[in-house]
Amino acid sequence: MKKFLKKADHLFDVAYKTAATSAVTLGISTPAFAASSSLPTGSGITDWIKTIAGNLVIIYLIVQVFRGIFTQRWGMVIGSLLGATLLIWIINFTDSFIGALKALVQLFQG
């Protein structure tokens, strides 16, 4: 069981690093000439890749939850569950998340 968890952890580490690098690279490398309406922007592809990358991170966190349950590391279980929940909210319910952030800012700004 330990070998399986170690191998799965390694595979998800590689997937997480690759997905995170891809999402960051695509977000930064948007060409300046893409603002013209006659050229395609590729926003659909970048949104799709960001969704895939986010879902890979969520899968990694869920694997960490099971790993924490098997090794009885309850802090890791709770942290991974909270992280996965937050990412699901950000990725799948973006409008709701932005609304909550705006309400939080308004609460502190007065």
N, C-alpha and C. Protein backbone atom coordinates (compact mmCIF):
# COMPACT_ATOMS: atom_id res chain seq x y z
N MET A 1 0.83 -1.20 0.00
CA MET A 1 0.00 0.00 0.00
C MET A 1 0.86 1.25 0.00
N LYS A 2 1.99 1.20 0.73
CA LYS A 2 2.87 2.37 0.78
C LYS A 2 3.47 2.66 -0.58
N LYS A 3 3.84 1.59 -1.33
CA LYS A 3 4.40 1.79 -2.67
C LYS A 3 3.37 2.44 -3.58
N PHE A 4 2.12 1.98 -3.49
CA PHE A 4 1.07 2.55 -4.31
C PHE A 4 0.86 4.03 -4.00
N LEU A 5 0.80 4.36 -2.70
CA LEU A 5 0.61 5.76 -2.31
C LEU A 5 1.77 6.62 -2.74
N LYS A 6 2.98 6.08 -2.63
CA LYS A 6 4.16 6.85 -3.04
C LYS A 6 4.14 7.10 -4.54
N LYS A 7 3.81 6.08 -5.33
CA LYS A 7 3.75 6.22 -6.78
C LYS A 7 2.63 7.18 -7.19
N ALA A 8 1.46 7.05 -6.57
CA ALA A 8 0.35 7.95 -6.89
C ALA A 8 0.68 9.38 -6.52
N ASP A 9 1.33 9.56 -5.39
CA ASP A 9 1.73 10.90 -4.96
C ASP A 9 2.70 11.51 -5.95
N HIS A 10 3.65 10.72 -6.43
CA HIS A 10 4.62 11.21 -7.41
C HIS A 10 3.92 11.59 -8.72
N LEU A 11 3.02 10.75 -9.19
CA LEU A 11 2.33 11.03 -10.45
C LEU A 11 1.49 12.30 -10.34
N PHE A 12 0.81 12.50 -9.24
CA PHE A 12 0.00 13.69 -9.08
C PHE A 12 0.87 14.93 -8.86
N ASP A 13 2.04 14.77 -8.25
CA ASP A 13 2.97 15.89 -8.14
C ASP A 13 3.40 16.35 -9.53
N VAL A 14 3.73 15.40 -10.39
CA VAL A 14 4.14 15.74 -11.76
C VAL A 14 3.00 16.40 -12.50
N ALA A 15 1.78 15.84 -12.39
CA ALA A 15 0.62 16.41 -13.07
C ALA A 15 0.31 17.81 -12.55
N TYR A 16 0.42 18.00 -11.24
CA TYR A 16 0.15 19.31 -10.64
C TYR A 16 1.14 20.35 -11.14
N LYS A 17 2.43 20.00 -11.14
CA LYS A 17 3.46 20.95 -11.58
C LYS A 17 3.29 21.27 -13.06
N THR A 18 2.99 20.27 -13.88
CA THR A 18 2.81 20.50 -15.31
C THR A 18 1.59 21.37 -15.57
N ALA A 19 0.49 21.07 -14.90
CA ALA A 19 -0.74 21.84 -15.10
C ALA A 19 -0.58 23.27 -14.62
N ALA A 20 0.06 23.45 -13.48
CA ALA A 20 0.25 24.80 -12.95
C ALA A 20 1.15 25.62 -13.87
N THR A 21 2.21 25.00 -14.39
CA THR A 21 3.12 25.69 -15.30
C THR A 21 2.39 26.06 -16.59
N SER A 22 1.57 25.16 -17.11
CA SER A 22 0.83 25.44 -18.34
C SER A 22 -0.14 26.60 -18.15
N ALA A 23 -0.86 26.60 -17.05
CA ALA A 23 -1.84 27.66 -16.81
C ALA A 23 -1.17 29.01 -16.64
N VAL A 24 -0.06 29.04 -15.93
CA VAL A 24 0.65 30.31 -15.73
C VAL A 24 1.24 30.80 -17.05
N THR A 25 1.84 29.89 -17.81
CA THR A 25 2.45 30.28 -19.08
C THR A 25 1.40 30.81 -20.04
N LEU A 26 0.25 30.16 -20.14
CA LEU A 26 -0.78 30.62 -21.06
C LEU A 26 -1.37 31.95 -20.61
N GLY A 27 -1.46 32.16 -19.32
CA GLY A 27 -2.02 33.42 -18.83
C GLY A 27 -1.10 34.59 -19.10
N ILE A 28 0.21 34.36 -19.11
CA ILE A 28 1.16 35.45 -19.29
C ILE A 28 1.42 35.73 -20.76
N SER A 29 1.39 34.71 -21.60
CA SER A 29 1.85 34.87 -22.97
C SER A 29 0.74 35.26 -23.95
N THR A 30 -0.25 36.02 -23.53
CA THR A 30 -1.28 36.48 -24.44
C THR A 30 -0.70 37.57 -25.33
N PRO A 31 -0.77 37.41 -26.65
CA PRO A 31 -0.17 38.41 -27.53
C PRO A 31 -0.92 39.74 -27.48
N ALA A 32 -0.19 40.82 -27.70
CA ALA A 32 -0.77 42.16 -27.62
C ALA A 32 -1.71 42.44 -28.79
N PHE A 33 -1.47 41.80 -29.94
CA PHE A 33 -2.29 42.07 -31.11
C PHE A 33 -3.61 41.31 -31.09
N ALA A 34 -3.88 40.53 -30.06
CA ALA A 34 -5.11 39.74 -30.00
C ALA A 34 -6.33 40.60 -29.67
N ALA A 35 -6.14 41.87 -29.40
CA ALA A 35 -7.27 42.73 -29.06
C ALA A 35 -8.13 43.08 -30.27
N SER A 36 -7.61 42.91 -31.46
CA SER A 36 -8.36 43.19 -32.67
C SER A 36 -9.52 42.20 -32.80
N SER A 37 -10.67 42.68 -33.24
CA SER A 37 -11.84 41.81 -33.32
C SER A 37 -11.76 40.83 -34.48
N SER A 38 -10.87 41.05 -35.45
CA SER A 38 -10.78 40.15 -36.59
C SER A 38 -9.89 38.95 -36.31
N LEU A 39 -9.11 38.99 -35.24
CA LEU A 39 -8.23 37.88 -34.91
C LEU A 39 -8.83 37.06 -33.78
N PRO A 40 -8.64 35.74 -33.81
CA PRO A 40 -9.14 34.93 -32.70
C PRO A 40 -8.31 35.17 -31.44
N THR A 41 -8.97 35.18 -30.31
CA THR A 41 -8.25 35.44 -29.05
C THR A 41 -7.79 34.17 -28.36
N GLY A 42 -8.43 33.06 -28.64
CA GLY A 42 -8.06 31.81 -27.97
C GLY A 42 -8.53 31.74 -26.53
N SER A 43 -9.47 32.61 -26.16
CA SER A 43 -9.93 32.63 -24.77
C SER A 43 -10.63 31.33 -24.39
N GLY A 44 -11.30 30.71 -25.35
CA GLY A 44 -11.96 29.43 -25.06
C GLY A 44 -10.96 28.35 -24.70
N ILE A 45 -9.84 28.33 -25.41
CA ILE A 45 -8.81 27.33 -25.15
C ILE A 45 -8.15 27.58 -23.81
N THR A 46 -7.85 28.85 -23.52
CA THR A 46 -7.20 29.14 -22.23
C THR A 46 -8.14 28.85 -21.06
N ASP A 47 -9.43 29.14 -21.22
CA ASP A 47 -10.39 28.81 -20.16
C ASP A 47 -10.46 27.30 -19.96
N TRP A 48 -10.44 26.56 -21.05
CA TRP A 48 -10.49 25.10 -20.98
C TRP A 48 -9.25 24.57 -20.26
N ILE A 49 -8.08 25.10 -20.60
CA ILE A 49 -6.84 24.63 -19.98
C ILE A 49 -6.81 25.00 -18.50
N LYS A 50 -7.28 26.19 -18.16
CA LYS A 50 -7.33 26.58 -16.75
C LYS A 50 -8.28 25.67 -15.98
N THR A 51 -9.38 25.29 -16.58
CA THR A 51 -10.32 24.37 -15.93
C THR A 51 -9.69 23.01 -15.73
N ILE A 52 -9.00 22.51 -16.76
CA ILE A 52 -8.32 21.20 -16.66
C ILE A 52 -7.25 21.26 -15.59
N ALA A 53 -6.45 22.32 -15.58
CA ALA A 53 -5.39 22.45 -14.58
C ALA A 53 -5.99 22.51 -13.18
N GLY A 54 -7.05 23.27 -13.01
CA GLY A 54 -7.70 23.36 -11.70
C GLY A 54 -8.26 22.02 -11.26
N ASN A 55 -8.84 21.28 -12.20
CA ASN A 55 -9.39 19.98 -11.85
C ASN A 55 -8.29 18.99 -11.49
N LEU A 56 -7.13 19.09 -12.14
CA LEU A 56 -6.01 18.23 -11.76
C LEU A 56 -5.54 18.53 -10.34
N VAL A 57 -5.52 19.79 -9.98
CA VAL A 57 -5.14 20.16 -8.61
C VAL A 57 -6.17 19.63 -7.62
N ILE A 58 -7.44 19.71 -7.98
CA ILE A 58 -8.50 19.18 -7.10
C ILE A 58 -8.34 17.67 -6.93
N ILE A 59 -8.05 16.96 -8.02
CA ILE A 59 -7.83 15.51 -7.94
C ILE A 59 -6.65 15.22 -7.04
N TYR A 60 -5.58 16.00 -7.18
CA TYR A 60 -4.40 15.82 -6.32
C TYR A 60 -4.77 16.00 -4.85
N LEU A 61 -5.56 17.03 -4.55
CA LEU A 61 -5.94 17.28 -3.16
C LEU A 61 -6.83 16.17 -2.61
N ILE A 62 -7.68 15.61 -3.45
CA ILE A 62 -8.53 14.51 -3.00
C ILE A 62 -7.69 13.26 -2.73
N VAL A 63 -6.68 13.02 -3.58
CA VAL A 63 -5.76 11.91 -3.31
C VAL A 63 -5.04 12.14 -1.99
N GLN A 64 -4.67 13.39 -1.72
CA GLN A 64 -4.03 13.72 -0.45
C GLN A 64 -4.96 13.45 0.73
N VAL A 65 -6.27 13.69 0.53
CA VAL A 65 -7.24 13.39 1.59
C VAL A 65 -7.21 11.90 1.91
N PHE A 66 -7.28 11.05 0.88
CA PHE A 66 -7.26 9.62 1.12
C PHE A 66 -5.93 9.17 1.72
N ARG A 67 -4.86 9.77 1.26
CA ARG A 67 -3.54 9.45 1.82
C ARG A 67 -3.49 9.84 3.30
N GLY A 68 -4.06 10.98 3.62
CA GLY A 68 -4.09 11.41 5.02
C GLY A 68 -4.95 10.52 5.88
N ILE A 69 -6.05 10.02 5.31
CA ILE A 69 -6.91 9.10 6.07
C ILE A 69 -6.17 7.80 6.35
N PHE A 70 -5.47 7.27 5.32
CA PHE A 70 -4.75 6.01 5.50
C PHE A 70 -3.60 6.15 6.49
N THR A 71 -2.94 7.30 6.52
CA THR A 71 -1.82 7.50 7.44
C THR A 71 -2.25 8.19 8.73
N GLN A 72 -3.53 8.49 8.85
CA GLN A 72 -4.12 9.12 10.04
C GLN A 72 -3.46 10.47 10.34
N ARG A 73 -3.28 11.26 9.32
CA ARG A 73 -2.78 12.63 9.48
C ARG A 73 -3.99 13.55 9.25
N TRP A 74 -4.70 13.85 10.31
CA TRP A 74 -5.99 14.52 10.20
C TRP A 74 -5.85 15.97 9.79
N GLY A 75 -4.75 16.61 10.12
CA GLY A 75 -4.54 17.98 9.67
C GLY A 75 -4.42 18.07 8.16
N MET A 76 -3.74 17.09 7.56
CA MET A 76 -3.62 17.05 6.11
C MET A 76 -4.98 16.78 5.47
N VAL A 77 -5.78 15.95 6.10
CA VAL A 77 -7.12 15.65 5.57
C VAL A 77 -7.97 16.91 5.54
N ILE A 78 -8.01 17.62 6.67
CA ILE A 78 -8.84 18.81 6.75
C ILE A 78 -8.33 19.91 5.81
N GLY A 79 -7.01 20.11 5.78
CA GLY A 79 -6.44 21.13 4.89
C GLY A 79 -6.69 20.84 3.43
N SER A 80 -6.53 19.58 3.03
CA SER A 80 -6.77 19.21 1.64
C SER A 80 -8.24 19.34 1.27
N LEU A 81 -9.13 18.96 2.19
CA LEU A 81 -10.57 19.12 1.92
C LEU A 81 -10.94 20.59 1.76
N LEU A 82 -10.42 21.43 2.64
CA LEU A 82 -10.71 22.86 2.53
C LEU A 82 -10.15 23.45 1.24
N GLY A 83 -8.93 23.05 0.89
CA GLY A 83 -8.33 23.53 -0.36
C GLY A 83 -9.10 23.09 -1.58
N ALA A 84 -9.51 21.82 -1.60
CA ALA A 84 -10.29 21.32 -2.73
C ALA A 84 -11.64 22.02 -2.82
N THR A 85 -12.27 22.26 -1.68
CA THR A 85 -13.56 22.96 -1.68
C THR A 85 -13.41 24.37 -2.21
N LEU A 86 -12.38 25.07 -1.76
CA LEU A 86 -12.13 26.43 -2.24
C LEU A 86 -11.87 26.45 -3.75
N LEU A 87 -11.06 25.52 -4.24
CA LEU A 87 -10.78 25.48 -5.68
C LEU A 87 -12.02 25.14 -6.49
N ILE A 88 -12.84 24.24 -6.00
CA ILE A 88 -14.09 23.91 -6.71
C ILE A 88 -14.96 25.16 -6.79
N TRP A 89 -15.04 25.90 -5.70
CA TRP A 89 -15.84 27.13 -5.69
C TRP A 89 -15.27 28.15 -6.68
N ILE A 90 -13.95 28.32 -6.69
CA ILE A 90 -13.33 29.31 -7.59
C ILE A 90 -13.50 28.91 -9.05
N ILE A 91 -13.26 27.63 -9.37
CA ILE A 91 -13.25 27.20 -10.77
C ILE A 91 -14.67 27.06 -11.33
N ASN A 92 -15.55 26.42 -10.60
CA ASN A 92 -16.87 26.10 -11.14
C ASN A 92 -17.93 27.17 -10.87
N PHE A 93 -17.74 27.97 -9.84
CA PHE A 93 -18.73 28.99 -9.49
C PHE A 93 -18.03 30.35 -9.38
N THR A 94 -17.41 30.77 -10.46
CA THR A 94 -16.58 31.98 -10.46
C THR A 94 -17.38 33.22 -10.10
N ASP A 95 -18.57 33.37 -10.66
CA ASP A 95 -19.38 34.56 -10.39
C ASP A 95 -19.75 34.66 -8.91
N SER A 96 -20.09 33.54 -8.31
CA SER A 96 -20.41 33.53 -6.89
C SER A 96 -19.19 33.90 -6.05
N PHE A 97 -18.02 33.38 -6.43
CA PHE A 97 -16.79 33.67 -5.70
C PHE A 97 -16.43 35.15 -5.80
N ILE A 98 -16.56 35.71 -6.99
CA ILE A 98 -16.25 37.13 -7.18
C ILE A 98 -17.23 37.99 -6.38
N GLY A 99 -18.50 37.61 -6.38
CA GLY A 99 -19.49 38.33 -5.58
C GLY A 99 -19.17 38.29 -4.09
N ALA A 100 -18.73 37.13 -3.61
CA ALA A 100 -18.36 37.01 -2.19
C ALA A 100 -17.14 37.86 -1.87
N LEU A 101 -16.16 37.88 -2.79
CA LEU A 101 -14.98 38.73 -2.57
C LEU A 101 -15.36 40.21 -2.54
N LYS A 102 -16.24 40.61 -3.45
CA LYS A 102 -16.67 42.01 -3.48
C LYS A 102 -17.41 42.37 -2.17
N ALA A 103 -18.25 41.47 -1.69
CA ALA A 103 -18.96 41.72 -0.44
C ALA A 103 -17.99 41.79 0.73
N LEU A 104 -16.96 40.95 0.73
CA LEU A 104 -15.96 40.99 1.79
C LEU A 104 -15.17 42.29 1.77
N VAL A 105 -14.82 42.76 0.57
CA VAL A 105 -14.10 44.03 0.45
C VAL A 105 -14.99 45.17 0.93
N GLN A 106 -16.25 45.16 0.54
CA GLN A 106 -17.19 46.21 0.98
C GLN A 106 -17.37 46.20 2.49
N LEU A 107 -17.33 45.02 3.08
CA LEU A 107 -17.47 44.90 4.53
C LEU A 107 -16.32 45.60 5.24
N PHE A 108 -15.11 45.45 4.73
CA PHE A 108 -13.95 46.06 5.37
C PHE A 108 -13.78 47.53 4.99
N GLN A 109 -14.22 47.92 3.78
CA GLN A 109 -14.06 49.30 3.37
C GLN A 109 -15.15 50.20 3.95
N GLY A 110 -16.27 49.63 4.20
CA GLY A 110 -17.35 50.39 4.84
C GLY A 110 -18.23 51.05 3.90
